[in-house]
Amino acid sequence: MEIKEIIIACGAGVATSTLVNKRVSDLLEKSKIKAHITQCTYTEVNGFAKNADLIIASSRIAKEINGIPVFVAIPYISGIGIEEFEEKIVNYLNQKK
């Protein structure tokens, strides 16, 4: 099984990205998707993006970086739209070969 590369970023690379990392890790485990997650700051994203499959950010930093889509994790922060957001993540990763 292929291991996906996911970047989770926030302003400081600590608080919000830790929350998002936990939620995404739980989702991936439940969905049986193997992934390596890198947690970082917005300024570090480009350095990690070369081999990434998906970037998840706590706020809108770009639509994509180096051709890799950026999903904005506002549902995890606001509590609104979590199910749709998680479905979007799983569907994207399952179609990404």
N, C-alpha and C. Protein backbone atom coordinates (compact mmCIF):
# COMPACT_ATOMS: atom_id res chain seq x y z
N MET A 1 0.84 -1.19 0.00
CA MET A 1 0.00 0.00 0.00
C MET A 1 0.89 1.25 0.00
N GLU A 2 0.53 2.17 -0.85
CA GLU A 2 1.29 3.40 -0.99
C GLU A 2 1.12 4.29 0.24
N ILE A 3 2.20 4.91 0.65
CA ILE A 3 2.15 5.84 1.78
C ILE A 3 2.05 7.25 1.23
N LYS A 4 0.99 7.96 1.62
CA LYS A 4 0.77 9.34 1.18
C LYS A 4 1.63 10.28 2.02
N GLU A 5 2.03 11.38 1.40
CA GLU A 5 2.79 12.42 2.08
C GLU A 5 1.88 13.63 2.26
N ILE A 6 1.66 14.01 3.51
CA ILE A 6 0.77 15.12 3.83
C ILE A 6 1.52 16.15 4.66
N ILE A 7 1.34 17.40 4.30
CA ILE A 7 1.91 18.51 5.07
C ILE A 7 0.76 19.20 5.79
N ILE A 8 0.93 19.45 7.07
CA ILE A 8 -0.05 20.21 7.85
C ILE A 8 0.66 21.44 8.38
N ALA A 9 0.13 22.62 8.01
CA ALA A 9 0.81 23.87 8.34
C ALA A 9 -0.10 24.87 9.03
N CYS A 10 0.52 25.66 9.90
CA CYS A 10 -0.15 26.81 10.51
C CYS A 10 0.89 27.89 10.72
N GLY A 11 0.49 29.00 11.27
CA GLY A 11 1.38 30.14 11.42
C GLY A 11 2.65 29.84 12.19
N ALA A 12 2.52 29.23 13.36
CA ALA A 12 3.69 28.95 14.18
C ALA A 12 4.14 27.49 14.10
N GLY A 13 3.33 26.65 13.49
CA GLY A 13 3.69 25.23 13.36
C GLY A 13 3.50 24.44 14.64
N VAL A 14 2.72 25.00 15.57
CA VAL A 14 2.56 24.32 16.86
C VAL A 14 1.09 24.09 17.19
N ALA A 15 0.37 25.11 17.60
CA ALA A 15 -0.96 24.93 18.18
C ALA A 15 -2.00 24.40 17.20
N THR A 16 -2.35 25.20 16.23
CA THR A 16 -3.42 24.80 15.31
C THR A 16 -3.02 23.58 14.50
N SER A 17 -1.79 23.53 14.03
CA SER A 17 -1.38 22.38 13.23
C SER A 17 -1.37 21.10 14.05
N THR A 18 -1.14 21.20 15.35
CA THR A 18 -1.19 20.01 16.21
C THR A 18 -2.63 19.49 16.30
N LEU A 19 -3.59 20.39 16.45
CA LEU A 19 -5.00 20.01 16.47
C LEU A 19 -5.38 19.35 15.14
N VAL A 20 -5.03 19.99 14.04
CA VAL A 20 -5.35 19.45 12.72
C VAL A 20 -4.65 18.12 12.49
N ASN A 21 -3.40 18.01 12.89
CA ASN A 21 -2.63 16.77 12.75
C ASN A 21 -3.36 15.61 13.45
N LYS A 22 -3.81 15.83 14.65
CA LYS A 22 -4.52 14.78 15.42
C LYS A 22 -5.79 14.36 14.69
N ARG A 23 -6.56 15.33 14.23
CA ARG A 23 -7.82 15.02 13.55
C ARG A 23 -7.56 14.26 12.24
N VAL A 24 -6.58 14.71 11.47
CA VAL A 24 -6.26 14.06 10.20
C VAL A 24 -5.70 12.65 10.46
N SER A 25 -4.84 12.51 11.45
CA SER A 25 -4.30 11.18 11.79
C SER A 25 -5.41 10.20 12.14
N ASP A 26 -6.36 10.66 12.95
CA ASP A 26 -7.50 9.81 13.32
C ASP A 26 -8.33 9.44 12.09
N LEU A 27 -8.56 10.42 11.22
CA LEU A 27 -9.33 10.18 10.00
C LEU A 27 -8.63 9.16 9.11
N LEU A 28 -7.34 9.31 8.92
CA LEU A 28 -6.60 8.40 8.05
C LEU A 28 -6.59 6.98 8.61
N GLU A 29 -6.44 6.87 9.91
CA GLU A 29 -6.46 5.55 10.54
C GLU A 29 -7.83 4.89 10.34
N LYS A 30 -8.89 5.65 10.58
CA LYS A 30 -10.25 5.14 10.42
C LYS A 30 -10.52 4.76 8.96
N SER A 31 -9.92 5.49 8.02
CA SER A 31 -10.14 5.26 6.60
C SER A 31 -9.13 4.29 5.99
N LYS A 32 -8.23 3.78 6.83
CA LYS A 32 -7.20 2.81 6.40
C LYS A 32 -6.32 3.38 5.28
N ILE A 33 -5.93 4.64 5.45
CA ILE A 33 -5.01 5.29 4.52
C ILE A 33 -3.69 5.49 5.24
N LYS A 34 -2.63 4.95 4.69
CA LYS A 34 -1.31 5.10 5.30
C LYS A 34 -0.70 6.41 4.81
N ALA A 35 -0.16 7.18 5.77
CA ALA A 35 0.41 8.47 5.41
C ALA A 35 1.52 8.86 6.37
N HIS A 36 2.44 9.64 5.82
CA HIS A 36 3.47 10.29 6.64
C HIS A 36 3.06 11.75 6.69
N ILE A 37 2.93 12.29 7.91
CA ILE A 37 2.50 13.67 8.08
C ILE A 37 3.67 14.51 8.58
N THR A 38 3.88 15.63 7.89
CA THR A 38 4.89 16.61 8.31
C THR A 38 4.15 17.84 8.80
N GLN A 39 4.44 18.25 10.01
CA GLN A 39 3.83 19.42 10.62
C GLN A 39 4.84 20.57 10.57
N CYS A 40 4.39 21.74 10.08
CA CYS A 40 5.34 22.83 9.91
C CYS A 40 4.64 24.20 9.93
N THR A 41 5.45 25.25 9.77
CA THR A 41 4.92 26.61 9.66
C THR A 41 4.64 26.90 8.18
N TYR A 42 3.89 27.96 7.93
CA TYR A 42 3.61 28.35 6.54
C TYR A 42 4.90 28.60 5.77
N THR A 43 5.87 29.22 6.42
CA THR A 43 7.11 29.56 5.72
C THR A 43 7.93 28.32 5.36
N GLU A 44 7.68 27.21 6.01
CA GLU A 44 8.42 25.97 5.74
C GLU A 44 7.77 25.08 4.68
N VAL A 45 6.53 25.40 4.29
CA VAL A 45 5.77 24.52 3.39
C VAL A 45 6.52 24.24 2.09
N ASN A 46 7.06 25.26 1.44
CA ASN A 46 7.74 25.05 0.16
C ASN A 46 8.88 24.05 0.27
N GLY A 47 9.58 24.04 1.38
CA GLY A 47 10.68 23.11 1.57
C GLY A 47 10.24 21.65 1.65
N PHE A 48 9.02 21.43 2.12
CA PHE A 48 8.51 20.06 2.26
C PHE A 48 7.61 19.65 1.09
N ALA A 49 7.16 20.62 0.30
CA ALA A 49 6.13 20.37 -0.71
C ALA A 49 6.57 19.52 -1.90
N LYS A 50 7.85 19.38 -2.10
CA LYS A 50 8.35 18.68 -3.30
C LYS A 50 7.73 17.30 -3.49
N ASN A 51 7.63 16.52 -2.44
CA ASN A 51 7.12 15.15 -2.55
C ASN A 51 5.75 14.95 -1.92
N ALA A 52 5.08 16.03 -1.59
CA ALA A 52 3.79 15.92 -0.90
C ALA A 52 2.66 15.56 -1.85
N ASP A 53 1.66 14.88 -1.30
CA ASP A 53 0.43 14.59 -2.04
C ASP A 53 -0.65 15.62 -1.73
N LEU A 54 -0.60 16.18 -0.52
CA LEU A 54 -1.63 17.11 -0.07
C LEU A 54 -1.07 18.02 0.99
N ILE A 55 -1.51 19.28 0.96
CA ILE A 55 -1.16 20.26 1.99
C ILE A 55 -2.47 20.66 2.68
N ILE A 56 -2.46 20.61 4.00
CA ILE A 56 -3.62 21.05 4.78
C ILE A 56 -3.14 22.20 5.65
N ALA A 57 -3.78 23.36 5.49
CA ALA A 57 -3.36 24.56 6.22
C ALA A 57 -4.50 25.07 7.09
N SER A 58 -4.15 25.74 8.18
CA SER A 58 -5.17 26.25 9.09
C SER A 58 -5.84 27.51 8.56
N SER A 59 -5.27 28.14 7.55
CA SER A 59 -5.92 29.28 6.88
C SER A 59 -5.49 29.28 5.42
N ARG A 60 -6.16 30.09 4.62
CA ARG A 60 -5.88 30.09 3.18
C ARG A 60 -4.51 30.71 2.91
N ILE A 61 -3.58 29.89 2.46
CA ILE A 61 -2.25 30.40 2.10
C ILE A 61 -2.09 30.42 0.59
N ALA A 62 -2.79 29.54 -0.10
CA ALA A 62 -2.77 29.46 -1.57
C ALA A 62 -3.74 28.36 -1.97
N LYS A 63 -4.16 28.36 -3.23
CA LYS A 63 -5.00 27.27 -3.72
C LYS A 63 -4.17 26.01 -3.91
N GLU A 64 -2.94 26.23 -4.33
CA GLU A 64 -2.00 25.12 -4.48
C GLU A 64 -0.58 25.66 -4.37
N ILE A 65 0.33 24.77 -4.04
CA ILE A 65 1.74 25.11 -3.93
C ILE A 65 2.50 24.04 -4.70
N ASN A 66 3.28 24.47 -5.68
CA ASN A 66 4.03 23.54 -6.54
C ASN A 66 3.12 22.47 -7.14
N GLY A 67 1.89 22.85 -7.51
CA GLY A 67 0.95 21.91 -8.11
C GLY A 67 0.24 21.00 -7.12
N ILE A 68 0.50 21.18 -5.84
CA ILE A 68 -0.12 20.35 -4.80
C ILE A 68 -1.28 21.14 -4.20
N PRO A 69 -2.49 20.56 -4.16
CA PRO A 69 -3.62 21.31 -3.62
C PRO A 69 -3.46 21.60 -2.12
N VAL A 70 -4.01 22.75 -1.73
CA VAL A 70 -4.02 23.15 -0.33
C VAL A 70 -5.47 23.11 0.14
N PHE A 71 -5.76 22.27 1.11
CA PHE A 71 -7.08 22.21 1.73
C PHE A 71 -7.02 23.03 3.00
N VAL A 72 -7.99 23.91 3.19
CA VAL A 72 -8.02 24.78 4.37
C VAL A 72 -8.85 24.12 5.46
N ALA A 73 -8.25 23.94 6.63
CA ALA A 73 -8.83 23.16 7.73
C ALA A 73 -9.76 23.96 8.64
N ILE A 74 -10.40 24.99 8.12
CA ILE A 74 -11.32 25.79 8.93
C ILE A 74 -12.40 24.93 9.61
N PRO A 75 -12.94 23.87 8.94
CA PRO A 75 -13.94 23.05 9.63
C PRO A 75 -13.44 22.45 10.95
N TYR A 76 -12.16 22.08 11.02
CA TYR A 76 -11.63 21.54 12.27
C TYR A 76 -11.53 22.61 13.34
N ILE A 77 -11.37 23.85 12.94
CA ILE A 77 -11.24 24.94 13.89
C ILE A 77 -12.61 25.46 14.33
N SER A 78 -13.53 25.57 13.35
CA SER A 78 -14.85 26.12 13.64
C SER A 78 -15.85 25.08 14.11
N GLY A 79 -15.61 23.81 13.77
CA GLY A 79 -16.56 22.76 14.11
C GLY A 79 -17.69 22.64 13.10
N ILE A 80 -17.68 23.46 12.05
CA ILE A 80 -18.74 23.46 11.05
C ILE A 80 -18.22 22.84 9.76
N GLY A 81 -18.92 21.82 9.25
CA GLY A 81 -18.55 21.21 7.98
C GLY A 81 -17.46 20.16 8.08
N ILE A 82 -17.26 19.60 9.25
CA ILE A 82 -16.19 18.61 9.45
C ILE A 82 -16.40 17.37 8.57
N GLU A 83 -17.61 16.86 8.53
CA GLU A 83 -17.87 15.64 7.77
C GLU A 83 -17.56 15.83 6.29
N GLU A 84 -17.98 16.95 5.72
CA GLU A 84 -17.70 17.22 4.30
C GLU A 84 -16.21 17.40 4.06
N PHE A 85 -15.54 18.08 4.98
CA PHE A 85 -14.10 18.30 4.85
C PHE A 85 -13.35 16.97 4.89
N GLU A 86 -13.71 16.10 5.82
CA GLU A 86 -13.06 14.80 5.93
C GLU A 86 -13.33 13.95 4.70
N GLU A 87 -14.54 14.04 4.17
CA GLU A 87 -14.87 13.30 2.95
C GLU A 87 -14.01 13.80 1.78
N LYS A 88 -13.79 15.10 1.73
CA LYS A 88 -12.95 15.69 0.68
C LYS A 88 -11.51 15.16 0.77
N ILE A 89 -10.98 15.09 1.98
CA ILE A 89 -9.62 14.57 2.19
C ILE A 89 -9.52 13.11 1.75
N VAL A 90 -10.43 12.29 2.24
CA VAL A 90 -10.39 10.85 1.94
C VAL A 90 -10.58 10.61 0.44
N ASN A 91 -11.55 11.29 -0.17
CA ASN A 91 -11.77 11.11 -1.60
C ASN A 91 -10.55 11.51 -2.41
N TYR A 92 -9.94 12.64 -2.05
CA TYR A 92 -8.76 13.09 -2.78
C TYR A 92 -7.61 12.09 -2.64
N LEU A 93 -7.33 11.66 -1.43
CA LEU A 93 -6.21 10.73 -1.22
C LEU A 93 -6.46 9.38 -1.86
N ASN A 94 -7.70 8.91 -1.86
CA ASN A 94 -8.01 7.62 -2.48
C ASN A 94 -7.90 7.67 -4.01
N GLN A 95 -8.15 8.83 -4.60
CA GLN A 95 -8.04 8.93 -6.06
C GLN A 95 -6.61 9.23 -6.50
N LYS A 96 -5.78 9.74 -5.59
CA LYS A 96 -4.40 10.12 -5.91
C LYS A 96 -3.54 8.85 -5.93
N LYS A 97 -3.04 8.53 -7.09
CA LYS A 97 -2.19 7.33 -7.23
C LYS A 97 -0.75 7.71 -7.31
